[in-house]
Amino acid sequence: MPDYTNATAIVQFNELDYVLYPWLVPGVRTEYTRTTVEGSNPASLLRIIPGAAILLRPNVRMVLTGDLETAYGMPVTGSWAPAGGFVIAPGPGKASKLEAEQINLTLSAAF
């Protein structure tokens, strides 16, 4: 039985942005989390978030980002069953494939 009163976590993030033009700034961010509960296998999560900020007009900015994730040893959470779909998720102790979780597009305007 795992001892949930004693755990260790390692969290790291890195971000790299580069100004190509005054109106175009691409970047990438990585986030890594590894948790270990005494008496159980470690679990880890790696997120890669590429994106770009684009100044469309002097007062209009567009930011496009994506979220790629891969996990190992994480418990399966949620289900698509109520929506009539299904997801083939790995069981505990198995690694998931690198998958696209979401894509976000944000428009901002200043007046």
Protein backbone atom coordinates (compact mmCIF):
# COMPACT_ATOMS: atom_id res chain seq x y z
CA MET A 1 0.00 0.00 0.00
CA PRO A 2 1.50 3.39 -0.97
CA ASP A 3 2.21 5.85 1.83
CA TYR A 4 0.44 9.04 0.68
CA THR A 5 1.87 11.06 3.57
CA ASN A 6 5.40 10.97 2.09
CA ALA A 7 6.01 12.09 -1.50
CA THR A 8 8.65 13.79 -3.63
CA ALA A 9 8.04 16.04 -6.63
CA ILE A 10 10.42 17.48 -9.20
CA VAL A 11 9.06 20.33 -11.32
CA GLN A 12 11.01 22.09 -14.06
CA PHE A 13 10.04 24.47 -16.83
CA ASN A 14 12.02 26.15 -19.60
CA GLU A 15 10.99 28.81 -22.08
CA LEU A 16 12.69 30.14 -25.18
CA ASP A 17 11.34 33.11 -27.15
CA TYR A 18 13.00 34.75 -30.13
CA VAL A 19 12.10 38.04 -31.82
CA LEU A 20 12.25 37.38 -35.57
CA TYR A 21 10.60 40.64 -36.55
CA PRO A 22 9.12 43.39 -34.36
CA TRP A 23 5.69 41.90 -35.16
CA LEU A 24 6.53 38.14 -34.89
CA VAL A 25 7.76 36.40 -31.73
CA PRO A 26 7.80 32.57 -31.87
CA GLY A 27 8.57 30.55 -28.76
CA VAL A 28 8.45 27.19 -27.06
CA ARG A 29 7.91 26.22 -23.43
CA THR A 30 8.54 22.84 -21.81
CA GLU A 31 7.18 21.69 -18.45
CA TYR A 32 8.28 18.49 -16.72
CA THR A 33 6.74 17.10 -13.54
CA ARG A 34 7.79 13.87 -11.81
CA THR A 35 6.16 12.66 -8.60
CA THR A 36 7.12 9.74 -6.43
CA VAL A 37 4.94 8.44 -3.62
CA GLU A 38 6.75 6.12 -1.23
CA GLY A 39 5.76 2.52 -2.00
CA SER A 40 4.57 3.14 -5.59
CA ASN A 41 6.03 3.69 -9.05
CA PRO A 42 6.96 7.24 -10.10
CA ALA A 43 4.67 9.20 -12.41
CA SER A 44 5.80 11.85 -14.88
CA LEU A 45 4.23 14.38 -17.22
CA LEU A 46 6.00 16.24 -20.05
CA ARG A 47 4.27 19.18 -21.77
CA ILE A 48 5.66 20.97 -24.83
CA ILE A 49 3.91 24.23 -25.70
CA PRO A 50 5.00 25.83 -28.99
CA GLY A 51 3.48 29.16 -30.01
CA ALA A 52 3.80 32.51 -31.70
CA ALA A 53 2.72 36.05 -30.90
CA ILE A 54 1.89 38.14 -33.95
CA LEU A 55 1.14 41.86 -34.01
CA LEU A 56 -1.50 42.12 -36.75
CA ARG A 57 -1.99 45.89 -36.39
CA PRO A 58 -0.48 48.39 -33.95
CA ASN A 59 -3.32 47.66 -31.50
CA VAL A 60 -4.29 44.05 -32.41
CA ARG A 61 -2.27 41.04 -31.22
CA MET A 62 -2.84 37.36 -32.04
CA VAL A 63 -1.31 34.55 -29.97
CA LEU A 64 -1.39 30.97 -31.26
CA THR A 65 -0.28 28.14 -28.96
CA GLY A 66 -0.50 24.36 -28.93
CA ASP A 67 -0.18 21.86 -26.10
CA LEU A 68 1.60 18.52 -26.65
CA GLU A 69 1.69 16.06 -23.73
CA THR A 70 3.09 12.68 -22.86
CA ALA A 71 2.71 10.93 -19.51
CA TYR A 72 4.02 7.87 -17.71
CA GLY A 73 2.41 6.17 -14.73
CA MET A 74 -0.41 8.68 -14.41
CA PRO A 75 -3.86 7.44 -13.38
CA VAL A 76 -6.52 7.45 -16.08
CA THR A 77 -8.92 10.33 -15.41
CA GLY A 78 -12.20 11.11 -17.06
CA SER A 79 -14.02 9.40 -19.86
CA TRP A 80 -15.62 10.34 -23.18
CA ALA A 81 -18.45 7.82 -22.59
CA PRO A 82 -21.11 10.46 -21.74
CA ALA A 83 -20.39 12.16 -25.09
CA GLY A 84 -20.73 8.88 -27.00
CA GLY A 85 -17.03 8.50 -27.69
CA PHE A 86 -14.14 6.52 -26.32
CA VAL A 87 -10.46 7.03 -25.55
CA ILE A 88 -7.88 4.28 -25.47
CA ALA A 89 -5.80 5.39 -22.51
CA PRO A 90 -2.82 3.53 -21.08
CA GLY A 91 -3.19 1.89 -17.71
CA PRO A 92 -1.12 2.83 -14.67
CA GLY A 93 2.59 2.22 -15.16
CA LYS A 94 2.44 2.60 -18.95
CA ALA A 95 3.52 5.53 -21.09
CA SER A 96 1.17 7.47 -23.33
CA LYS A 97 2.09 8.65 -26.81
CA LEU A 98 2.92 12.27 -27.49
CA GLU A 99 -0.47 13.74 -28.28
CA ALA A 100 -1.90 17.15 -29.10
CA GLU A 101 -4.12 18.20 -26.21
CA GLN A 102 -5.32 21.59 -27.40
CA ILE A 103 -4.74 24.51 -29.75
CA ASN A 104 -5.52 28.05 -28.59
CA LEU A 105 -5.96 31.20 -30.64
CA THR A 106 -6.32 34.47 -28.76
CA LEU A 107 -6.99 37.90 -30.23
CA SER A 108 -6.36 40.99 -28.09
CA ALA A 109 -7.17 44.60 -28.94
CA ALA A 110 -6.19 47.81 -27.17
CA PHE A 111 -8.25 51.00 -27.52
